[in-house]
Amino acid sequence: MIKKIREQFRDRFGKEPLIIAAPGRVNLLGEHTDYNQGFVLPGAIDKRIYLAIARNDSRSVNAWSNDFNESFSFPIDMAQPDKGWKNYLIGVTHYLQQQAGPFVSGVDLLIDGDIPVGGGMSSSAALCSGYGFALNELFSLGRSRLELARIGQLTEHHFVGAMVGIMDQFASLYGKAGNLIRLDCRSMDYEYIPFDFPDHRIILVNTMVKHELAGSEYNVRRQQCEAGVLKLKEYYPNAVSLRDISIGQLERHIMDIPDAIYQRCKYVIEENARVLQGCVLLERGDLPGFGALMYRTHEGLRHEYEVSCAALDFLVEQARNMAGVKGARMMGGGFGGCTINLVSQEAAEQFKRDICSSYEEAFQVTPEIYQMQIEDGVKAIN
């Protein structure tokens, strides 16, 4: 793919590009905790967005996307959203110039990749992170990886309309091969947690259900969590987020909080605890114990946070009863997308066959299967 994108760029723009590889991410534990100032446990993966980029003599960004078979040009001082994938480029260009000053020229850009769009592996965060990193390298802007992650988050908020946390961008930029990242989304402190299980595989199973509700319901869940914090502050004035509330404190006020908000808060508080416990288990090499936490996370997402769906629940229940599977859960915003499964290497091929056949029989749809490993974050490719 790197060779292809380099040659396509030369043919289209007539110059030699800088190549940037920006990975997607998986999240082993810590779903919907990042925007609650909690803990997450993601890792960068070996599926990436590739960007070929070079300066031009204009004041415009000229972009071509292989995935969408579409070109797009916009002035580098543009600050108004457009449509679809274009907003990621406009937003990152805008915020990076706000922080670092105007670019000396526009750029030509060609985008390709092998992250499935809509598969829950954060192709959008990879695009933001990779494009920001590319501009930072090309113009020697001196922005840190954390600053680039925040620019990606601002772009999602104000140019795309998704009030996401910072986990996806952080994982894409800070990923390290063979390690997950325990990230404190309040302080932004992080620690690499070894994920060294060469006899096991991370396998994603795509329901092929488009999570059309994920964007709107994501924002609703965020609002519900914020409403829970506002109510609990009446009893615990020092609480800033659900991170500051214990499960015991929440349960003392079960009658004071609407049930839906109580359930959302309960899930987030318990999920934060699962992330911390999961890190201890990984450091001990206890993969079965870690997998058990994944199942508990899925139950919380299904019954308390209410962001699962029939297809996701079916896949997790099937995985639970298959040989060699240590853990499984839905991953991402919910209402579709993928499940993430930890499967022994010797059982991986049988798992893929069995999960496909059972899902086809139940839903008359063939799921897509992605096998991956934990890799490094965004980097330039010589």
Protein backbone atom coordinates (compact mmCIF):
# COMPACT_ATOMS: atom_id res chain seq x y z
CA MET A 1 0.00 0.00 0.00
CA ILE A 2 2.88 2.38 0.76
CA LYS A 3 4.34 1.78 -2.70
CA LYS A 4 0.92 2.28 -4.29
CA ILE A 5 0.14 5.54 -2.51
CA ARG A 6 3.60 6.93 -3.31
CA GLU A 7 3.20 6.15 -7.01
CA GLN A 8 -0.35 7.51 -7.12
CA PHE A 9 0.81 10.73 -5.49
CA ARG A 10 3.61 11.16 -8.02
CA ASP A 11 1.17 10.56 -10.89
CA ARG A 12 -1.45 12.97 -9.52
CA PHE A 13 0.73 15.78 -8.16
CA GLY A 14 4.08 15.31 -9.90
CA LYS A 15 6.29 15.43 -6.83
CA GLU A 16 7.78 13.23 -4.10
CA PRO A 17 5.65 12.94 -0.93
CA LEU A 18 6.24 12.44 2.75
CA ILE A 19 4.42 9.24 3.82
CA ILE A 20 2.70 9.02 7.21
CA ALA A 21 1.17 5.86 8.72
CA ALA A 22 -1.55 6.42 11.35
CA PRO A 23 -3.00 3.35 13.09
CA GLY A 24 -6.51 2.65 14.20
CA ARG A 25 -7.08 1.40 17.70
CA VAL A 26 -8.79 -1.25 19.74
CA ASN A 27 -9.87 -0.73 23.31
CA LEU A 28 -9.61 -3.73 25.58
CA LEU A 29 -11.35 -2.17 28.61
CA GLY A 30 -12.68 1.27 29.49
CA GLU A 31 -15.60 1.91 27.14
CA HIS A 32 -17.40 5.26 27.52
CA THR A 33 -15.14 6.24 30.43
CA ASP A 34 -12.88 8.71 28.59
CA TYR A 35 -15.40 11.55 28.43
CA ASN A 36 -16.11 10.89 32.13
CA GLN A 37 -12.48 11.70 33.04
CA GLY A 38 -11.89 8.03 33.77
CA PHE A 39 -9.43 5.31 32.75
CA VAL A 40 -9.12 3.52 29.41
CA LEU A 41 -6.92 0.69 28.10
CA PRO A 42 -6.48 1.00 24.32
CA GLY A 43 -3.74 -0.02 21.93
CA ALA A 44 -2.77 0.97 18.39
CA ILE A 45 -3.21 -1.75 15.76
CA ASP A 46 -1.59 -2.89 12.53
CA LYS A 47 -4.38 -1.41 10.39
CA ARG A 48 -3.67 2.13 9.32
CA ILE A 49 -4.56 5.25 7.39
CA TYR A 50 -1.72 6.21 5.04
CA LEU A 51 -1.19 9.80 3.95
CA ALA A 52 1.12 11.03 1.20
CA ILE A 53 1.69 14.77 1.52
CA ALA A 54 3.85 17.55 0.05
CA ARG A 55 3.85 21.34 -0.01
CA ASN A 56 2.45 23.17 -3.01
CA ASP A 57 2.71 26.74 -4.26
CA SER A 58 -0.89 27.66 -3.47
CA ARG A 59 -2.88 28.61 -0.37
CA SER A 60 -5.09 25.53 -0.68
CA VAL A 61 -5.23 21.96 0.53
CA ASN A 62 -5.82 19.64 -2.43
CA ALA A 63 -6.85 16.19 -1.21
CA TRP A 64 -7.74 12.89 -2.86
CA SER A 65 -9.28 9.94 -0.97
CA ASN A 66 -8.93 6.47 -2.45
CA ASP A 67 -11.59 5.09 -0.08
CA PHE A 68 -14.20 7.58 -1.27
CA ASN A 69 -12.82 7.99 -4.82
CA GLU A 70 -13.22 11.71 -4.35
CA SER A 71 -11.15 14.88 -4.51
CA PHE A 72 -11.58 18.00 -2.41
CA SER A 73 -9.86 21.39 -2.27
CA PHE A 74 -10.26 24.13 0.31
CA PRO A 75 -8.34 27.29 1.30
CA ILE A 76 -6.02 26.80 4.27
CA ASP A 77 -7.77 29.58 6.20
CA MET A 78 -11.21 27.95 5.85
CA ALA A 79 -13.02 27.65 9.19
CA GLN A 80 -16.47 26.43 8.16
CA PRO A 81 -17.49 22.73 8.19
CA ASP A 82 -18.29 20.95 4.95
CA LYS A 83 -19.47 17.34 4.68
CA GLY A 84 -18.23 13.90 5.68
CA TRP A 85 -14.51 13.07 5.67
CA LYS A 86 -13.66 16.57 4.47
CA ASN A 87 -14.44 18.03 7.91
CA TYR A 88 -11.54 16.17 9.50
CA LEU A 89 -9.09 17.89 7.19
CA ILE A 90 -10.69 21.33 7.53
CA GLY A 91 -10.83 21.10 11.32
CA VAL A 92 -7.25 19.91 11.83
CA THR A 93 -5.95 22.57 9.41
CA HIS A 94 -7.89 25.26 11.27
CA TYR A 95 -6.90 24.31 14.83
CA LEU A 96 -3.27 23.60 14.00
CA GLN A 97 -2.92 27.10 12.54
CA GLN A 98 -4.65 28.56 15.58
CA GLN A 99 -1.96 27.01 17.77
CA ALA A 100 1.13 27.23 15.54
CA GLY A 101 0.45 30.13 13.20
CA PRO A 102 -0.33 30.25 9.46
CA PHE A 103 1.27 27.67 7.18
CA VAL A 104 3.81 28.90 4.66
CA SER A 105 1.88 27.21 1.84
CA GLY A 106 -0.90 24.84 1.07
CA VAL A 107 -0.42 21.07 0.66
CA ASP A 108 -1.27 18.28 -1.73
CA LEU A 109 -2.57 15.15 -0.02
CA LEU A 110 -3.50 11.60 -0.96
CA ILE A 111 -5.24 9.31 1.54
CA ASP A 112 -5.61 5.53 1.59
CA GLY A 113 -5.72 2.83 4.23
CA ASP A 114 -6.91 -0.55 5.42
CA ILE A 115 -8.92 0.46 8.51
CA PRO A 116 -12.53 -0.57 7.79
CA VAL A 117 -14.69 2.57 7.88
CA GLY A 118 -17.45 2.12 10.47
CA GLY A 119 -15.80 -0.95 11.99
CA GLY A 120 -15.19 0.62 15.38
CA MET A 121 -11.41 0.93 14.95
CA SER A 122 -11.42 4.73 14.84
CA SER A 123 -10.53 5.44 11.25
CA SER A 124 -11.58 9.05 11.85
CA ALA A 125 -9.16 9.48 14.76
CA ALA A 126 -6.40 7.91 12.66
CA LEU A 127 -7.11 10.40 9.86
CA CYS A 128 -7.04 13.38 12.25
CA SER A 129 -3.91 12.14 14.01
CA GLY A 130 -2.09 11.25 10.81
CA TYR A 131 -2.96 14.49 9.03
CA GLY A 132 -2.01 16.62 12.05
CA PHE A 133 1.25 14.72 12.42
CA ALA A 134 1.96 15.14 8.70
CA LEU A 135 1.47 18.92 8.80
CA ASN A 136 3.54 19.12 11.98
CA GLU A 137 6.41 17.28 10.26
CA LEU A 138 6.10 19.06 6.93
CA PHE A 139 6.17 22.58 8.39
CA SER A 140 8.29 21.82 11.51
CA LEU A 141 5.56 23.25 13.77
CA GLY A 142 6.90 21.72 17.00
CA ARG A 143 3.53 20.53 18.32
CA SER A 144 3.63 17.62 20.80
CA ARG A 145 1.71 14.40 20.26
CA LEU A 146 -0.65 15.40 23.07
CA GLU A 147 -1.35 18.74 21.37
CA LEU A 148 -2.09 16.88 18.14
CA ALA A 149 -4.46 14.54 19.99
CA ARG A 150 -6.35 17.52 21.42
CA ILE A 151 -6.58 19.08 17.96
CA GLY A 152 -8.16 15.86 16.69
CA GLN A 153 -10.63 15.93 19.57
CA LEU A 154 -11.54 19.57 18.91
CA THR A 155 -12.11 18.70 15.26
CA GLU A 156 -14.51 15.90 16.23
CA HIS A 157 -16.38 18.22 18.59
CA HIS A 158 -16.77 21.33 16.45
CA PHE A 159 -16.42 20.23 12.82
CA VAL A 160 -17.99 16.75 13.01
CA GLY A 161 -20.39 17.15 15.94
CA ALA A 162 -19.31 14.12 17.97
CA MET A 163 -18.49 14.95 21.60
CA VAL A 164 -15.83 12.24 21.88
CA GLY A 165 -13.21 11.81 24.55
CA ILE A 166 -9.52 11.83 23.73
CA MET A 167 -8.82 8.09 23.88
CA ASP A 168 -8.90 7.34 20.15
CA GLN A 169 -6.53 10.11 19.14
CA PHE A 170 -4.21 9.39 22.06
CA ALA A 171 -3.99 5.69 21.22
CA SER A 172 -3.24 6.40 17.56
CA LEU A 173 -0.46 8.86 18.44
CA TYR A 174 1.07 7.16 21.49
CA GLY A 175 0.73 3.48 20.56
CA LYS A 176 3.62 1.12 21.31
CA ALA A 177 4.05 -2.36 19.83
CA GLY A 178 3.29 -5.12 22.34
CA ASN A 179 1.75 -2.74 24.87
CA LEU A 180 -1.61 -1.32 25.80
CA ILE A 181 -1.90 2.20 27.22
CA ARG A 182 -3.46 2.80 30.62
CA LEU A 183 -4.55 6.40 30.18
CA ASP A 184 -5.92 8.66 32.89
CA CYS A 185 -8.27 10.86 30.87
CA ARG A 186 -8.29 13.53 33.57
CA SER A 187 -4.57 14.12 34.14
CA MET A 188 -3.45 12.60 30.81
CA ASP A 189 -0.89 10.55 32.73
CA TYR A 190 -0.30 7.24 31.00
CA GLU A 191 1.58 3.99 31.46
CA TYR A 192 2.38 1.21 29.02
CA ILE A 193 0.95 -2.14 30.12
CA PRO A 194 2.60 -5.18 28.46
CA PHE A 195 0.23 -7.21 26.33
CA ASP A 196 2.61 -10.01 25.46
CA PHE A 197 0.59 -13.12 24.66
CA PRO A 198 2.13 -14.53 21.46
CA ASP A 199 -0.07 -17.61 21.62
CA HIS A 200 -3.27 -15.53 21.49
CA ARG A 201 -4.87 -13.31 18.87
CA ILE A 202 -7.10 -10.23 18.95
CA ILE A 203 -9.98 -10.89 16.57
CA LEU A 204 -12.73 -8.42 15.73
CA VAL A 205 -16.05 -9.62 14.33
CA ASN A 206 -18.05 -6.98 12.46
CA THR A 207 -21.82 -7.34 12.82
CA MET A 208 -22.23 -5.37 9.55
CA VAL A 209 -24.91 -3.43 11.45
CA LYS A 210 -24.39 0.28 10.83
CA HIS A 211 -24.39 2.01 14.18
CA GLU A 212 -26.63 4.82 13.00
CA LEU A 213 -27.75 5.62 16.55
CA ALA A 214 -24.22 5.73 17.93
CA GLY A 215 -23.59 9.43 17.29
CA SER A 216 -26.82 10.79 18.73
CA GLU A 217 -27.04 8.29 21.58
CA TYR A 218 -23.36 8.85 22.41
CA ASN A 219 -24.15 12.49 23.13
CA VAL A 220 -27.24 11.49 25.15
CA ARG A 221 -25.15 9.15 27.33
CA ARG A 222 -22.64 11.91 27.92
CA GLN A 223 -25.41 14.27 28.99
CA GLN A 224 -26.88 11.63 31.31
CA CYS A 225 -23.52 11.12 33.01
CA GLU A 226 -23.12 14.86 33.43
CA ALA A 227 -26.62 15.05 34.93
CA GLY A 228 -25.65 12.32 37.39
CA VAL A 229 -22.55 14.23 38.48
CA LEU A 230 -24.57 17.43 38.90
CA LYS A 231 -27.04 15.64 41.18
CA LEU A 232 -24.37 13.84 43.20
CA LYS A 233 -22.50 17.12 43.77
CA GLU A 234 -25.36 18.06 46.07
CA TYR A 235 -24.11 15.36 48.44
CA TYR A 236 -20.42 15.29 47.49
CA PRO A 237 -19.45 18.89 46.60
CA ASN A 238 -15.87 17.98 45.66
CA ALA A 239 -16.97 15.57 42.93
CA VAL A 240 -15.93 16.79 39.47
CA SER A 241 -16.80 13.64 37.50
CA LEU A 242 -18.04 10.09 38.10
CA ARG A 243 -14.39 9.26 38.69
CA ASP A 244 -14.80 10.91 42.12
CA ILE A 245 -17.83 8.85 43.18
CA SER A 246 -17.61 5.36 44.70
CA ILE A 247 -20.21 2.71 43.99
CA GLY A 248 -21.23 2.87 47.65
CA GLN A 249 -21.83 6.61 47.45
CA LEU A 250 -23.91 6.17 44.31
CA GLU A 251 -26.04 3.45 45.87
CA ARG A 252 -26.77 5.60 48.93
CA HIS A 253 -28.65 7.93 46.62
CA ILE A 254 -30.37 5.44 44.35
CA MET A 255 -33.76 6.92 45.26
CA ASP A 256 -32.62 10.47 44.50
CA ILE A 257 -31.57 9.85 40.90
CA PRO A 258 -33.72 8.83 37.91
CA ASP A 259 -33.18 5.14 37.17
CA ALA A 260 -31.69 5.63 33.69
CA ILE A 261 -29.12 8.09 35.04
CA TYR A 262 -28.35 5.80 37.98
CA GLN A 263 -27.68 2.90 35.60
CA ARG A 264 -25.36 5.00 33.41
CA CYS A 265 -23.40 6.17 36.44
CA LYS A 266 -23.17 2.66 37.88
CA TYR A 267 -21.69 1.32 34.67
CA VAL A 268 -19.05 4.06 34.41
CA ILE A 269 -17.94 3.75 38.04
CA GLU A 270 -17.60 -0.02 37.78
CA GLU A 271 -15.87 0.17 34.40
CA ASN A 272 -13.19 2.46 35.80
CA ALA A 273 -12.52 -0.15 38.49
CA ARG A 274 -12.35 -2.89 35.84
CA VAL A 275 -9.65 -1.02 33.90
CA LEU A 276 -7.43 -0.74 36.97
CA GLN A 277 -8.04 -4.36 37.94
CA GLY A 278 -7.40 -5.48 34.35
CA CYS A 279 -3.98 -3.82 34.33
CA VAL A 280 -2.99 -5.75 37.44
CA LEU A 281 -4.15 -9.01 35.84
CA LEU A 282 -2.19 -8.36 32.64
CA GLU A 283 0.95 -7.60 34.60
CA ARG A 284 0.49 -10.99 36.29
CA GLY A 285 -0.07 -12.69 32.93
CA ASP A 286 -3.62 -13.67 33.91
CA LEU A 287 -5.38 -13.56 30.55
CA PRO A 288 -8.40 -15.68 31.65
CA GLY A 289 -9.01 -13.27 34.53
CA PHE A 290 -8.71 -10.33 32.16
CA GLY A 291 -11.13 -11.99 29.73
CA ALA A 292 -13.69 -12.41 32.51
CA LEU A 293 -13.63 -8.65 32.99
CA MET A 294 -14.37 -8.19 29.28
CA TYR A 295 -17.53 -10.27 29.63
CA ARG A 296 -18.58 -8.19 32.63
CA THR A 297 -17.99 -5.01 30.64
CA HIS A 298 -20.27 -6.30 27.90
CA GLU A 299 -23.03 -7.04 30.39
CA GLY A 300 -22.70 -3.52 31.74
CA LEU A 301 -22.85 -2.01 28.25
CA ARG A 302 -25.86 -4.17 27.46
CA HIS A 303 -27.98 -3.72 30.57
CA GLU A 304 -26.77 -0.54 32.31
CA TYR A 305 -25.43 1.71 29.57
CA GLU A 306 -27.86 0.24 27.01
CA VAL A 307 -25.73 0.68 23.91
CA SER A 308 -25.61 -2.91 22.67
CA CYS A 309 -27.88 -4.59 20.13
CA ALA A 310 -29.11 -8.09 19.30
CA ALA A 311 -26.29 -8.80 16.85
CA LEU A 312 -23.56 -7.79 19.31
CA ASP A 313 -25.14 -9.78 22.14
CA PHE A 314 -25.42 -12.84 19.91
CA LEU A 315 -21.75 -12.74 18.95
CA VAL A 316 -20.58 -12.36 22.56
CA GLU A 317 -22.76 -15.27 23.71
CA GLN A 318 -21.49 -17.45 20.88
CA ALA A 319 -17.88 -16.60 21.72
CA ARG A 320 -18.43 -17.37 25.40
CA ASN A 321 -19.19 -20.99 24.51
CA MET A 322 -16.35 -21.53 22.01
CA ALA A 323 -13.09 -23.28 22.77
CA GLY A 324 -10.02 -21.09 23.13
CA VAL A 325 -11.87 -17.80 23.72
CA LYS A 326 -10.64 -16.00 26.84
CA GLY A 327 -12.90 -12.96 26.61
CA ALA A 328 -15.28 -11.05 24.35
CA ARG A 329 -17.35 -7.89 24.38
CA MET A 330 -18.80 -5.23 22.13
CA MET A 331 -16.36 -2.44 21.33
CA GLY A 332 -16.94 1.19 20.50
CA GLY A 333 -19.93 3.50 20.70
CA GLY A 334 -22.48 0.73 20.33
CA PHE A 335 -25.64 -0.17 18.39
CA GLY A 336 -23.55 -2.07 15.84
CA GLY A 337 -19.95 -2.33 14.80
CA CYS A 338 -17.63 -5.01 16.16
CA THR A 339 -17.04 -7.36 19.01
CA ILE A 340 -13.47 -7.81 20.23
CA ASN A 341 -12.36 -11.33 21.13
CA LEU A 342 -9.23 -12.77 22.75
CA VAL A 343 -8.69 -16.18 21.15
CA SER A 344 -5.87 -18.71 21.46
CA GLN A 345 -3.80 -19.06 18.30
CA GLU A 346 -4.60 -22.76 17.93
CA ALA A 347 -8.35 -22.05 18.09
CA ALA A 348 -8.35 -18.89 15.95
CA GLU A 349 -9.20 -20.42 12.56
CA GLN A 350 -11.93 -22.63 14.00
CA PHE A 351 -13.32 -19.63 15.87
CA LYS A 352 -13.54 -17.63 12.64
CA ARG A 353 -15.33 -20.44 10.82
CA ASP A 354 -17.78 -21.16 13.62
CA ILE A 355 -18.63 -17.55 14.41
CA CYS A 356 -19.25 -16.84 10.73
CA SER A 357 -21.51 -19.82 10.20
CA SER A 358 -23.55 -19.23 13.36
CA TYR A 359 -23.98 -15.53 12.58
CA GLU A 360 -24.95 -16.21 8.96
CA GLU A 361 -27.56 -18.71 10.12
CA ALA A 362 -29.03 -16.31 12.68
CA PHE A 363 -28.93 -13.04 10.70
CA GLN A 364 -28.48 -14.05 7.03
CA VAL A 365 -25.43 -11.78 6.86
CA THR A 366 -21.75 -12.70 6.57
CA PRO A 367 -19.68 -10.85 9.19
CA GLU A 368 -16.28 -9.43 8.39
CA ILE A 369 -13.40 -10.80 10.48
CA TYR A 370 -10.26 -8.80 11.33
CA GLN A 371 -7.25 -10.31 13.05
CA MET A 372 -4.66 -7.89 14.39
CA GLN A 373 -1.81 -7.20 16.73
CA ILE A 374 -0.77 -4.25 18.85
CA GLU A 375 1.63 -1.95 17.02
CA ASP A 376 3.33 1.46 17.17
CA GLY A 377 1.54 4.80 16.89
CA VAL A 378 1.69 7.42 14.14
CA LYS A 379 5.03 7.63 12.35
CA ALA A 380 6.70 8.80 9.16
CA ILE A 381 7.67 6.08 6.66
CA ASN A 382 10.97 6.58 4.84
